[in-house]
């Protein structure tokens, strides 16, 4: 009976290891790209409607805060779904020339 218990304990270790692996795989995308990061917002909000070349050309023009606010308000009028916090974050990302976005656009 003691041998059966050891065999059962031995078999449960891979099950726990496998379960931990799947848990890690499930949460790693959330760790890799926070929902409020500049790159995440651009990829999941802007690229839904625009090609990256259009966005990168606009970033290269180094537009000001007022211009980016107008652009984002226009996107919302055309159906983009952005919270007020996301709008503020995106404006900041574009005017501050976020390194992740510059890298994405090949400007770094």
Protein backbone atom coordinates (compact mmCIF):
# COMPACT_ATOMS: atom_id res chain seq x y z
CA UNK A 1 0.00 0.00 0.00
CA UNK A 2 2.86 2.40 0.74
CA UNK A 3 4.21 1.79 -2.76
CA UNK A 4 0.85 2.67 -4.33
CA UNK A 5 0.79 5.96 -2.39
CA UNK A 6 4.26 6.88 -3.67
CA UNK A 7 3.25 6.03 -7.22
CA UNK A 8 0.17 8.25 -6.87
CA UNK A 9 2.27 11.15 -5.50
CA UNK A 10 4.74 10.73 -8.37
CA UNK A 11 1.98 10.91 -10.97
CA UNK A 12 0.45 14.04 -9.46
CA UNK A 13 3.69 16.06 -9.84
CA UNK A 14 3.53 16.19 -13.68
CA UNK A 15 -0.14 17.10 -13.47
CA UNK A 16 0.68 20.09 -11.23
CA UNK A 17 3.60 21.03 -13.46
CA UNK A 18 1.42 20.90 -16.56
CA UNK A 19 -1.30 22.93 -14.85
CA UNK A 20 1.25 25.57 -13.84
CA UNK A 21 2.53 25.75 -17.40
CA UNK A 22 -0.96 26.35 -18.81
CA UNK A 23 -1.63 29.00 -16.19
CA UNK A 24 1.58 30.77 -17.18
CA UNK A 25 0.63 30.62 -20.86
CA UNK A 26 -2.79 32.10 -20.11
CA UNK A 27 -1.51 35.06 -18.10
CA UNK A 28 1.64 35.84 -20.09
CA UNK A 29 -0.13 37.90 -22.80
CA UNK A 30 -1.51 40.16 -20.09
CA UNK A 31 1.97 40.55 -18.66
CA UNK A 32 3.56 41.15 -22.05
CA UNK A 33 1.23 43.92 -23.21
CA UNK A 34 -0.53 45.95 -20.54
CA UNK A 35 -3.87 47.24 -21.78
CA UNK A 36 -2.84 50.85 -21.24
CA UNK A 37 0.57 50.71 -22.93
CA UNK A 38 1.15 52.88 -25.99
CA UNK A 39 1.93 49.94 -28.25
CA UNK A 40 -1.09 47.96 -27.06
CA UNK A 41 -3.47 50.87 -27.65
CA UNK A 42 -2.06 51.58 -31.07
CA UNK A 43 -2.22 47.92 -32.13
CA UNK A 44 -5.69 47.31 -30.72
CA UNK A 45 -7.41 50.63 -31.37
CA UNK A 46 -5.71 52.42 -34.27
CA UNK A 47 -4.73 49.42 -36.40
CA UNK A 48 -8.33 48.18 -36.40
CA UNK A 49 -9.04 50.75 -39.13
CA UNK A 50 -5.69 52.13 -40.30
CA UNK A 51 -2.64 50.63 -41.94
CA UNK A 52 0.51 51.05 -39.90
CA UNK A 53 2.08 53.14 -42.66
CA UNK A 54 -0.61 55.81 -42.26
CA UNK A 55 -0.13 55.99 -38.50
CA UNK A 56 3.66 56.01 -38.74
CA UNK A 57 3.57 58.80 -41.36
CA UNK A 58 1.45 60.90 -39.00
CA UNK A 59 3.83 60.23 -36.11
CA UNK A 60 6.79 61.20 -38.30
CA UNK A 61 5.17 64.63 -38.88
CA UNK A 62 5.57 65.28 -35.14
CA UNK A 63 2.08 66.76 -34.74
CA UNK A 64 1.22 68.69 -31.58
CA UNK A 65 -1.12 67.83 -28.73
CA UNK A 66 -4.08 69.80 -30.14
CA UNK A 67 -3.75 68.11 -33.53
CA UNK A 68 -3.59 64.61 -32.03
CA UNK A 69 -6.64 65.33 -29.86
CA UNK A 70 -8.60 66.37 -32.97
CA UNK A 71 -7.40 63.26 -34.81
CA UNK A 72 -8.50 60.95 -31.99
CA UNK A 73 -11.88 62.72 -31.62
CA UNK A 74 -12.36 62.22 -35.37
CA UNK A 75 -11.57 58.51 -34.96
CA UNK A 76 -14.24 58.29 -32.26
CA UNK A 77 -16.81 60.02 -34.50
CA UNK A 78 -16.04 57.35 -37.11
CA UNK A 79 -16.62 54.50 -34.65
CA UNK A 80 -13.42 53.99 -32.67
CA UNK A 81 -14.09 52.94 -29.09
CA UNK A 82 -11.71 54.66 -26.69
CA UNK A 83 -12.24 55.56 -23.06
CA UNK A 84 -11.24 59.07 -21.95
CA UNK A 85 -8.15 57.57 -20.26
CA UNK A 86 -7.18 55.75 -23.45
CA UNK A 87 -7.59 58.96 -25.43
CA UNK A 88 -5.31 60.84 -23.05
CA UNK A 89 -2.77 58.03 -23.07
CA UNK A 90 -2.68 57.86 -26.88
CA UNK A 91 -2.24 61.62 -27.22
CA UNK A 92 0.65 61.42 -24.75
CA UNK A 93 2.16 58.46 -26.58
CA UNK A 94 2.14 60.27 -29.90
CA UNK A 95 3.36 63.68 -28.75
CA UNK A 96 6.04 62.23 -26.46
CA UNK A 97 7.12 59.88 -29.27
CA UNK A 98 6.93 56.70 -27.20
CA UNK A 99 9.99 54.45 -27.81
CA UNK A 100 7.84 51.33 -28.41
CA UNK A 101 5.82 53.12 -31.09
CA UNK A 102 8.92 54.61 -32.70
CA UNK A 103 10.46 51.14 -32.79
CA UNK A 104 7.25 49.71 -34.25
CA UNK A 105 7.37 52.36 -36.98
CA UNK A 106 11.09 51.80 -37.61
CA UNK A 107 12.02 55.29 -36.44
CA UNK A 108 14.38 54.32 -33.65
